[in-house]
Each structure stands twice: as C-alpha cells, then as structure tokens.
Protein backbone atom coordinates (compact mmCIF):
# COMPACT_ATOMS: atom_id res chain seq x y z
CA MET A 1 127.34 60.20 52.73
CA ASN A 2 126.79 58.37 49.40
CA ALA A 3 125.74 54.68 49.87
CA PRO A 4 128.26 52.32 48.91
CA ASP A 5 127.95 50.75 45.38
CA VAL A 6 126.50 47.31 45.67
CA PRO A 7 127.58 44.72 42.95
CA VAL A 8 124.75 43.75 40.86
CA PRO A 9 124.11 39.84 41.20
CA LEU A 10 124.72 37.99 38.04
CA TRP A 11 120.98 36.64 37.73
CA ARG A 12 119.61 40.16 37.50
CA GLN A 13 122.01 40.93 34.89
CA LEU A 14 120.96 37.67 33.09
CA GLN A 15 117.48 38.52 33.12
CA ALA A 16 117.73 41.83 31.76
CA ALA A 17 120.26 40.54 28.70
CA ALA A 18 117.72 37.97 28.10
CA ARG A 19 115.11 40.59 27.88
CA VAL A 20 117.04 42.68 25.32
CA VAL A 21 117.66 39.51 23.36
CA GLU A 22 113.93 38.93 23.21
CA LEU A 23 113.48 42.45 22.14
CA VAL A 24 115.74 42.45 19.22
CA ARG A 25 114.15 38.99 17.91
CA ASN A 26 111.09 40.93 18.15
CA GLY A 27 112.19 43.89 16.09
CA THR A 28 113.65 46.25 18.57
CA SER A 29 117.10 47.52 17.76
CA GLY A 30 119.72 46.66 20.13
CA THR A 31 120.52 49.89 20.87
CA ALA A 32 117.05 50.93 21.72
CA ALA A 33 116.78 47.88 24.05
CA ILE A 34 119.72 48.40 26.00
CA GLU A 35 118.83 52.03 26.60
CA GLY A 36 115.42 50.89 28.05
CA THR A 37 117.63 48.89 31.05
CA ALA A 38 118.00 50.28 33.97
CA ALA A 39 121.15 52.51 34.18
CA ALA A 40 122.31 50.09 37.25
CA LEU A 41 122.48 47.11 34.79
CA ARG A 42 122.93 48.85 31.44
CA ALA A 43 126.94 48.09 31.20
CA GLY A 44 127.05 44.77 31.99
CA VAL A 45 123.82 44.15 29.75
CA GLN A 46 125.77 45.45 26.92
CA ALA A 47 128.66 43.25 27.55
CA LEU A 48 126.26 40.10 28.04
CA ALA A 49 124.17 40.87 25.14
CA PHE A 50 126.96 41.79 22.63
CA ALA A 51 129.00 38.39 23.59
CA ALA A 52 125.65 36.35 23.05
CA TRP A 53 124.74 37.95 19.71
CA ARG A 54 128.13 37.18 18.28
CA ASP A 55 127.75 33.40 19.25
CA MET A 56 123.90 33.49 18.88
CA GLY A 57 124.00 31.34 15.68
CA ARG A 58 125.93 28.77 17.66
CA ALA A 59 123.68 28.92 20.74
CA GLN A 60 120.43 28.35 18.51
CA ALA A 61 122.04 25.35 16.87
CA LEU A 62 122.83 23.85 20.31
CA ARG A 63 119.28 24.79 21.49
CA THR A 64 117.56 22.76 18.49
CA LEU A 65 119.79 19.73 19.80
CA LEU A 66 118.81 20.14 23.45
CA ALA A 67 115.17 20.78 23.55
CA ALA A 68 112.74 18.75 21.24
CA LYS A 69 110.35 21.76 21.17
CA GLN A 70 111.21 25.57 21.29
CA PRO A 71 110.59 26.76 24.96
CA PRO A 72 108.25 30.17 25.33
CA ALA A 73 110.12 33.40 23.76
CA PRO A 74 111.42 34.53 27.35
CA ALA A 75 112.71 31.24 28.21
CA ASP A 76 114.00 30.81 24.57
CA ALA A 77 115.96 33.71 25.01
CA LEU A 78 117.61 33.31 28.33
CA LEU A 79 118.51 29.39 27.18
CA CYS A 80 120.02 30.78 23.94
CA LEU A 81 121.92 33.63 26.31
CA ALA A 82 123.13 31.04 28.53
CA LEU A 83 124.65 28.43 25.81
CA ALA A 84 126.16 31.53 23.55
CA LEU A 85 128.07 32.56 26.78
CA MET A 86 129.30 29.27 27.61
CA TRP A 87 129.63 27.06 24.70
CA ARG A 88 133.32 28.01 24.20
CA THR A 89 135.64 26.45 26.54
CA VAL A 90 138.77 28.86 26.16
CA ASP A 91 137.51 32.29 26.65
CA ALA A 92 133.96 31.95 28.29
CA PRO A 93 133.58 34.83 30.38
CA TYR A 94 132.23 32.98 33.56
CA ASP A 95 132.63 29.54 34.97
CA ALA A 96 130.25 27.20 33.54
CA PHE A 97 128.94 25.74 36.74
CA THR A 98 128.60 29.63 38.05
CA LEU A 99 126.60 30.49 34.97
CA VAL A 100 124.26 27.56 35.02
CA ASN A 101 123.25 28.32 38.38
CA GLN A 102 122.74 31.94 37.84
CA VAL A 103 120.62 31.25 34.66
CA VAL A 104 118.28 29.17 36.78
CA GLU A 105 118.18 31.61 39.54
CA ALA A 106 117.52 34.50 37.19
CA ALA A 107 114.64 32.01 35.62
CA LYS A 108 112.87 31.42 39.31
CA ARG A 109 113.01 35.01 40.19
CA ASN A 110 110.94 36.09 36.78
CA PRO A 111 107.18 35.31 36.41
CA ALA A 112 107.60 34.80 32.57
CA THR A 113 110.35 32.17 32.71
CA LYS A 114 109.78 30.83 36.35
CA ALA A 115 107.70 27.50 34.94
CA GLN A 116 110.59 26.78 32.61
CA ALA A 117 113.45 26.84 35.50
CA ASN A 118 113.72 23.49 35.71
CA PHE A 119 113.88 22.34 32.02
CA LEU A 120 116.47 25.10 31.71
CA ASN A 121 118.35 23.35 34.18
CA ALA A 122 117.99 20.37 32.94
CA CYS A 123 119.34 21.47 29.40
CA LEU A 124 122.00 23.21 30.39
CA ARG A 125 123.28 20.37 32.46
CA ARG A 126 123.32 18.12 29.63
CA PHE A 127 125.15 20.44 27.53
CA LEU A 128 127.76 20.59 30.34
CA ARG A 129 127.93 16.77 30.14
CA GLU A 130 127.96 16.55 26.37
CA ARG A 131 129.75 19.42 25.65
CA GLU A 132 131.98 17.88 22.84
CA ALA A 133 129.80 15.71 21.29
CA LEU A 134 126.83 18.79 20.97
CA VAL A 135 129.49 21.34 19.60
CA ALA A 136 130.98 18.99 17.00
CA ALA A 137 127.20 18.03 15.81
CA THR A 138 126.52 21.91 15.24
CA ASP A 139 129.88 22.53 13.30
CA ALA A 140 128.34 21.66 10.02
CA ASP A 141 125.82 24.21 10.48
CA PRO A 142 126.71 27.43 8.44
CA VAL A 143 124.58 29.53 10.95
CA ALA A 144 126.35 27.90 13.93
CA LEU A 145 130.12 28.04 12.16
CA TRP A 146 129.72 32.08 10.92
CA ASN A 147 126.93 33.12 13.31
CA HIS A 148 124.64 35.13 11.11
CA PRO A 149 121.36 34.03 9.67
CA ARG A 150 121.36 31.70 7.03
CA TRP A 151 119.65 33.94 4.25
CA TRP A 152 122.47 36.50 5.04
CA ILE A 153 125.57 33.88 4.36
CA GLU A 154 123.58 32.62 1.22
CA ARG A 155 123.07 36.30 -0.16
CA LEU A 156 126.95 37.04 0.69
CA ARG A 157 127.91 33.42 -0.89
CA ARG A 158 126.09 34.50 -4.18
CA GLU A 159 127.14 38.28 -4.31
CA ARG A 160 130.61 38.02 -3.54
CA PRO A 161 131.63 34.52 -4.30
CA GLN A 162 135.39 35.09 -3.80
CA ASP A 163 135.58 36.75 -0.36
CA TRP A 164 132.19 36.10 1.57
CA GLN A 165 133.94 34.06 4.02
CA SER A 166 136.72 36.85 5.04
CA ILE A 167 133.59 39.44 4.92
CA LEU A 168 132.05 37.21 7.89
CA THR A 169 135.30 36.71 9.64
CA ALA A 170 135.65 40.28 10.04
CA ALA A 171 131.94 40.90 10.72
CA ASN A 172 132.42 38.55 13.75
CA ALA A 173 135.66 40.26 15.33
CA HIS A 174 135.63 42.79 17.70
CA ALA A 175 135.87 46.70 15.86
CA PRO A 176 138.71 48.92 17.19
CA MET A 177 138.03 52.32 18.86
CA THR A 178 138.98 54.69 16.06
CA LEU A 179 138.98 58.15 16.45
CA ARG A 180 139.01 61.15 13.93
CA VAL A 181 141.43 64.12 15.00
CA ASN A 182 139.81 67.43 13.98
CA THR A 183 142.76 68.72 12.20
CA ARG A 184 141.42 72.25 12.33
CA LYS A 185 142.49 72.34 16.30
CA THR A 186 145.72 69.93 16.14
CA GLY A 187 147.55 67.19 13.94
CA ILE A 188 147.75 63.87 14.05
CA ALA A 189 151.56 63.60 15.38
CA ASP A 190 150.52 66.21 18.32
CA TYR A 191 147.58 63.99 18.98
CA LEU A 192 149.33 60.84 19.04
CA LEU A 193 151.69 62.35 21.68
CA LYS A 194 148.89 63.72 23.87
CA LEU A 195 147.60 59.97 23.76
CA GLU A 196 151.23 58.72 24.73
CA ARG A 197 151.55 61.17 27.60
CA ALA A 198 147.95 59.90 28.91
CA GLY A 199 149.31 56.09 28.94
CA LEU A 200 147.13 55.40 25.93
CA ALA A 201 148.84 53.36 23.06
CA ALA A 202 147.58 54.34 19.67
CA ARG A 203 148.44 54.13 15.76
CA SER A 204 147.95 56.58 13.10
CA GLY A 205 145.60 54.97 10.05
CA GLY A 206 146.43 58.41 8.02
CA ALA A 207 144.79 61.52 7.09
CA SER A 208 142.80 62.11 10.40
CA VAL A 209 142.23 58.29 11.46
CA VAL A 210 143.88 57.13 14.92
CA TYR A 211 143.54 53.57 16.18
CA LEU A 212 143.58 53.11 20.00
CA GLU A 213 145.12 49.34 21.05
CA GLN A 214 142.54 49.34 24.12
CA PRO A 215 139.02 51.09 23.98
CA VAL A 216 138.43 53.60 26.66
CA PRO A 217 135.81 55.92 27.91
CA VAL A 218 135.62 59.20 25.74
CA ARG A 219 136.12 61.27 29.06
CA LEU A 220 139.71 59.57 29.28
CA LEU A 221 140.49 61.10 25.55
CA PRO A 222 142.82 64.30 26.08
CA GLY A 223 140.69 67.19 24.69
CA PHE A 224 137.67 65.41 23.89
CA GLU A 225 135.69 67.57 25.86
CA ILE A 226 136.73 70.49 23.71
CA GLY A 227 136.66 69.19 20.39
CA LEU A 228 140.06 67.92 19.76
CA VAL A 229 138.94 64.18 18.53
CA SER A 230 135.98 62.38 17.92
CA VAL A 231 134.66 58.69 17.89
CA GLN A 232 134.19 57.73 14.32
CA ASP A 233 134.90 54.65 12.14
CA ALA A 234 137.71 54.94 9.43
CA ALA A 235 135.17 54.15 6.54
CA ALA A 236 132.84 56.57 7.90
CA GLN A 237 135.60 59.30 7.75
CA LEU A 238 136.11 58.99 3.88
CA ALA A 239 132.30 60.56 3.58
CA ALA A 240 133.25 64.59 4.34
CA PRO A 241 136.83 64.90 2.29
CA LEU A 242 135.19 62.93 -0.61
CA LEU A 243 132.28 65.02 -1.05
CA LEU A 244 134.46 68.18 -0.73
CA ALA A 245 137.48 67.55 -2.80
CA GLY A 246 138.08 70.12 -5.46
CA LEU A 247 135.27 72.69 -4.30
CA PRO A 248 135.77 75.74 -2.81
CA ALA A 249 136.22 75.13 0.75
CA THR A 250 134.37 78.82 1.47
CA ALA A 251 131.82 80.20 3.60
CA GLY A 252 129.06 80.54 0.53
CA LEU A 253 129.21 76.89 -0.41
CA ARG A 254 125.97 75.28 0.54
CA VAL A 255 126.22 71.73 1.58
CA LEU A 256 123.34 69.54 2.58
CA ASP A 257 124.01 66.53 5.02
CA ALA A 258 120.83 64.63 4.96
CA CYS A 259 119.55 61.71 7.85
CA ALA A 260 122.75 63.76 9.58
CA ALA A 261 122.38 62.22 13.17
CA PRO A 262 124.26 61.86 15.12
CA GLY A 263 126.34 64.04 13.53
CA GLY A 264 129.83 62.62 13.07
CA LYS A 265 129.95 63.60 9.23
CA THR A 266 128.21 67.14 9.81
CA GLY A 267 131.08 68.07 12.51
CA HIS A 268 133.62 66.57 9.91
CA LEU A 269 132.57 68.58 6.93
CA LEU A 270 132.92 71.74 9.08
CA GLU A 271 136.25 70.60 10.44
CA ILE A 272 137.96 70.73 7.07
CA SER A 273 135.90 73.42 5.71
CA ASP A 274 134.26 76.70 5.98
CA CYS A 275 131.26 75.94 4.18
CA ALA A 276 127.51 76.39 5.37
CA VAL A 277 126.07 73.22 6.48
CA SER A 278 122.51 72.29 6.79
CA ALA A 279 122.13 69.19 9.22
CA LEU A 280 118.69 67.50 8.44
CA GLU A 281 117.44 64.60 10.62
CA ILE A 282 113.89 63.37 10.77
CA ASP A 283 114.05 62.20 14.50
CA PRO A 284 113.50 64.98 16.85
CA ARG A 285 115.81 63.32 19.59
CA ARG A 286 118.49 62.01 17.26
CA SER A 287 118.63 65.61 16.16
CA GLU A 288 119.30 66.55 19.73
CA ARG A 289 122.40 64.30 19.47
CA ILE A 290 123.88 66.54 16.38
CA ALA A 291 123.35 69.52 18.46
CA GLU A 292 125.12 68.04 21.08
CA ASN A 293 128.11 66.96 19.00
CA LEU A 294 128.63 70.60 17.51
CA GLN A 295 128.51 72.11 20.58
CA ARG A 296 131.53 70.33 21.89
CA LEU A 297 133.46 70.66 18.57
CA GLN A 298 132.64 74.31 18.62
CA LEU A 299 130.80 74.67 15.26
CA LYS A 300 127.82 75.58 14.08
CA ALA A 301 125.45 74.37 11.60
CA GLN A 302 121.51 75.00 10.46
CA LEU A 303 119.63 72.34 12.15
CA LEU A 304 116.48 71.09 10.51
CA VAL A 305 113.99 68.20 11.85
CA ALA A 306 112.37 67.01 8.93
CA ASP A 307 111.89 64.30 6.19
CA ALA A 308 114.34 64.74 3.51
CA ALA A 309 111.91 63.08 1.18
CA LYS A 310 109.53 65.88 1.66
CA PRO A 311 111.50 69.15 0.74
CA GLN A 312 108.49 70.74 0.52
CA ASP A 313 108.39 70.75 4.25
CA TRP A 314 112.18 72.15 4.95
CA TRP A 315 113.99 73.42 1.58
CA ASP A 316 114.10 77.30 1.03
CA GLY A 317 114.04 76.64 -2.78
CA GLU A 318 118.04 77.63 -3.25
CA PRO A 319 120.06 74.82 -4.74
CA PHE A 320 122.70 73.07 -2.89
CA ASP A 321 126.45 73.37 -4.01
CA ALA A 322 126.97 69.64 -2.65
CA ILE A 323 124.72 67.12 -0.80
CA LEU A 324 125.72 64.08 1.59
CA LEU A 325 123.36 61.27 1.59
CA ASP A 326 124.05 59.00 4.16
CA ALA A 327 120.89 56.95 3.70
CA PRO A 328 118.92 54.42 6.02
CA CYS A 329 120.05 51.06 5.12
CA THR A 330 120.28 47.54 6.69
CA ALA A 331 123.24 48.73 8.37
CA SER A 332 124.87 45.50 7.43
CA GLY A 333 128.55 46.64 7.29
CA ILE A 334 128.82 47.50 11.08
CA VAL A 335 127.83 44.57 12.60
CA ARG A 336 131.17 44.30 14.08
CA ARG A 337 130.04 47.35 16.49
CA HIS A 338 126.52 46.59 16.55
CA PRO A 339 126.02 42.49 16.32
CA ASP A 340 122.34 42.81 17.26
CA VAL A 341 122.07 44.05 13.77
CA ARG A 342 122.19 40.66 11.96
CA TRP A 343 119.46 38.88 14.18
CA LEU A 344 117.48 42.18 13.96
CA ARG A 345 117.31 42.09 10.00
CA ARG A 346 115.10 40.08 7.92
CA GLU A 347 115.72 39.93 4.05
CA ALA A 348 112.66 41.45 3.22
CA ASP A 349 114.09 44.67 5.05
CA ILE A 350 116.71 44.95 1.95
CA GLU A 351 114.32 45.62 -0.64
CA GLN A 352 112.16 48.04 1.89
CA LEU A 353 115.08 50.13 2.38
CA ALA A 354 116.43 49.81 -1.21
CA ALA A 355 112.94 51.55 -2.14
CA LEU A 356 113.52 54.46 0.19
CA GLN A 357 116.89 55.08 -0.80
CA ARG A 358 116.10 55.33 -4.46
CA ARG A 359 113.26 57.77 -3.33
CA MET A 360 115.44 59.65 -1.26
CA LEU A 361 118.52 59.99 -3.99
CA GLN A 362 115.93 60.99 -6.64
CA THR A 363 114.32 63.68 -4.64
CA LEU A 364 117.42 65.40 -3.19
CA TRP A 365 119.18 65.03 -6.82
CA ALA A 366 116.64 67.81 -7.86
CA LEU A 367 117.62 70.18 -5.15
CA LEU A 368 121.47 70.05 -6.38
CA ARG A 369 122.93 72.70 -8.66
CA PRO A 370 124.23 72.02 -12.10
CA GLY A 371 127.78 71.20 -11.46
CA GLY A 372 127.09 70.30 -7.96
CA ARG A 373 127.95 66.99 -6.32
CA LEU A 374 126.01 64.41 -4.54
CA LEU A 375 127.67 61.57 -2.28
CA TYR A 376 125.44 58.29 -1.86
CA CYS A 377 126.39 56.28 0.81
CA THR A 378 125.47 53.40 3.23
CA CYS A 379 127.10 51.23 5.84
CA SER A 380 125.98 47.84 3.97
CA ILE A 381 127.77 45.03 2.22
CA PHE A 382 124.67 43.99 0.28
CA VAL A 383 124.43 45.20 -3.91
CA ALA A 384 120.87 46.23 -3.80
CA GLU A 385 121.72 48.97 -1.32
CA GLY A 386 125.04 49.90 -3.43
CA ASP A 387 126.21 48.97 -6.78
CA GLY A 388 122.89 47.85 -7.83
CA GLN A 389 121.12 51.01 -6.32
CA MET A 390 123.72 53.07 -8.43
CA GLN A 391 123.46 51.43 -11.69
CA THR A 392 119.78 52.16 -11.47
CA PHE A 393 120.02 55.82 -10.64
CA LEU A 394 122.63 56.27 -13.39
CA ALA A 395 119.92 54.51 -15.76
CA HIS A 396 117.50 57.02 -15.36
CA ASN A 397 119.33 60.27 -14.51
CA THR A 398 121.34 61.07 -17.79
CA ASP A 399 122.22 64.37 -16.45
CA ALA A 400 124.50 62.35 -13.87
CA ALA A 401 128.00 61.52 -13.85
CA LEU A 402 129.91 58.85 -11.62
CA LEU A 403 132.76 60.29 -10.44
CA PRO A 404 136.02 58.18 -8.93
CA SER A 405 134.59 56.52 -5.76
CA PRO A 406 135.67 53.57 -3.44
CA GLY A 407 132.13 51.73 -4.11
CA HIS A 408 131.81 48.88 -1.85
CA LEU A 409 134.56 48.56 1.24
CA MET A 410 133.91 45.45 2.95
CA PRO A 411 134.79 45.25 6.60
CA ARG A 412 138.35 44.43 7.58
CA ASN A 413 140.51 43.86 10.52
CA ASP A 414 143.95 44.48 9.57
CA LEU A 415 146.11 46.76 11.85
CA LYS A 416 149.51 45.74 10.34
CA THR A 417 149.59 48.80 8.06
CA ALA A 418 148.31 50.93 10.70
CA GLY A 419 151.61 53.24 10.88
CA VAL A 420 151.71 53.83 6.83
CA LEU A 421 150.10 57.05 6.26
CA ASP A 422 149.73 56.54 2.47
CA ASN A 423 147.79 53.11 3.30
CA PRO A 424 144.86 54.21 5.40
CA LEU A 425 141.76 52.03 6.07
CA CYS A 426 143.58 49.08 7.63
CA ASP A 427 140.58 48.55 9.69
CA HIS A 428 137.23 49.66 8.85
CA ASP A 429 133.40 48.54 8.94
CA GLY A 430 131.58 47.80 5.37
CA PHE A 431 130.55 50.86 3.59
CA TYR A 432 129.33 51.93 -0.11
CA TYR A 433 130.12 55.51 -1.36
CA ALA A 434 129.50 56.71 -4.78
CA LEU A 435 130.06 60.15 -5.88
CA LEU A 436 127.84 62.08 -8.37
CA GLN A 437 128.30 65.23 -10.47
CA LYS A 438 125.32 66.80 -12.05
CA HIS A 439 126.02 67.98 -15.71
CA LEU A 440 125.96 71.91 -16.45
CA ALA A 441 122.81 72.74 -18.16
C-alpha cells in the first residue's frame, strides 16, 4: 500500500523558494534553480517564485524602507519573497499574518537565516502596520511601479519612446497556454472540437495557433501523446512557415535548425514540410529534449550535438537550402513565461550576446547556398539583438537581401481578436524576425 501524500508545510516551500530567488540573483536561471528543488516541493516553489519575480521590484523598494541595511543574502531573499507575496491586499495568495508566521518559521529552521528570524519578523509586522504609507512611498519608484530593473526600463524608454509602457505592462501579465496544432495530422476546427469534448475552452488564433482559456497539464490535452498538438507561443510559431514559404517542401530540401533545443521549431518544420532537417544543439542534455519531442511527434531529424559557430566540427560541406538561426539572446521577450529573466540579466549581457549572435550569423551565412534563405530570430525586445544586429550584418554582407519580415514583435496581451482567422498573433511573446536571401552567384 502506498503511503498517503503528506501536505508540504508552507515554511518549507518558502525556504526553497527563497533559495531559488537567491540563486537567480547569483546568475542561475530560474528553470535550472527550480529543477534543482526536491520533486515534492517543485510545483509549489515554482508558483511562489514566479509570483515573487513578478512583484520583485516593489518588494525590493519596500525592503529598502524597512531595513536601514540590506540583510545577508539568504535573509534578504526570504524577506523580499515575503514582501512580494503580501504587499497586495486584493489578490495576495495567503493571509498576511499566516505568511509572516511561516516566513519566521522558515527562517528559524534554516541555519543560514536563523540569526535573522527576529529581524524578519519585525520588518514584516511593521509592514503590516504601515502598509498603506509604505506602499505609497514606493509608488514613485519606477522599479517598484513596473517591476523591472531600472536599466531595463530606461533602455526601453530610449528605444521605444512611444510604447515602452505597454511593453512593460504586457511583460508583467500572465501568458496564455498557447498550442500549435499539428496540421499534418489534424485541422484547427477538428482539434477545437476535441478540446470542447474534453471540457477545455479554447479559441483559434489562425494558422496552427490555439489559445486555451485556462492552462492545463499537457497530459490532459487530447492527442498530445501522439503528436496532435504541441505547446508553443504564437510568435514562435511564425518561424517555420516564414523560412519555408516559397521553397519546395520536398525531401531533397536541406534545412539546418541551429540552436534547436528544445525542438519546437524543429518539429514545426517537419510538420509542414518533407524536408531533411538537421537539428543542431551544443548542450547534450538539451539535445535529448529534441529527440523526445520528435519521438512524440513521430518525426525524424538528424541530431547534431556541436557548436554552431564551429562548423568544422559537424558540417559535411554540403550547403544548406535554408537555415533557421534562433540565436542565444537575453530572452527579454519571454518574461511573461519566465519572469526570472528580468532579474537574472545584466545590461552588459546584451552586448556580450549580440557579439555571439554576430559570430553565429556570419559563420552560418557561409554554409548557405546561393539563392538560399536564412531566418535570423531572437526572443528579445532590445534593438541590439534585432534591428541593430541586422543592419550591421547587411552593411558587411552585400550578397544578402532582406526579404519581407516581421521585424520586432513586441509582447501583446489581447484575446479579443482570437476568433478571427486572418488576424493572428493577438497574444504573443516578444520576438524578432529577419528573413535573408543570398544572392545567386
């Protein structure tokens, strides 16, 4: 007989969530930090950490008012976690007094924070007494108001003076669960009917896009296990059809998907074409994700574990007809889904990543046949990783022509037009797309 499930105390979840917050501050991605949490705690810790990251700017501003001196890192992470979870009065996830008690318990039971337990208790109880005045005192702080780092806000204001506020507003919202219907196996209308029969409300976003009204575990999606559908943001779904439009969808077409993990775009390429796809990924563990996704979709690609910037290690010398370069970037366009990114990144990361993007773009361009196409994309909202990158490339490569491309897609949250098939992308992450064609010799 299996032992009954024992509820995990809130203080334990708070301990683990504070550790995740601390790790991100030290440069670990939120995904990796959460994956390192005990399995029994993981779901709860993710929910707590995501909620905290979405309000971390406000929490840090409040902590500055409550503590004359910033406490040691473990205690500061726990304090900011608590303030992020309790500063709102309307939709706070826990009763404030319960949360304070559990935070103090978490502090007492952790050697790294035990000495600060009384300090944390005093700060949080003062906040409860003076909540209205303290919150009002932070309203003028843009970091508290927009819950993004100051450099991020200032950069957006310079680059997007007309719409920086709407971009930040969208970034602070919760992203929908967006599906890509495998049109090789079923149609949008048929899959919407399957969802309806399963009791899942959904809307079409055009092409292969379906928006669920409420997120659900993938095991509840009809036909997920046999590849009828995948989870993929609407903006990311533009890549495969944009690259392949106008090219012969035949088995002889050689396509490279560089930086391919976890395989969403690889799968989409194969769903809409019979081309021969090589999926390249530098990380062996992430390459395994590509294999798993292709197996579920019942599709095949050549998997290569290597560095895209070092073709001498993996390229067979035969030029590609089409190349998809989803380049490493700041991921500044997907903070709706990964709210840790805004607190993980530093402004210096932008130029470092832009330099890597330039090298990869130049290297892969040489592997493209004359007349072939390369699609450069990033999930970034910053000009240096989008238009700025492309203008530099075109200035140095006279054999390249820029074809009609979406350019910068800023994050949006608008489901009002979701049922209109000729008006897709009503709710999507931030992305950049530039489609290049190499001149014939």
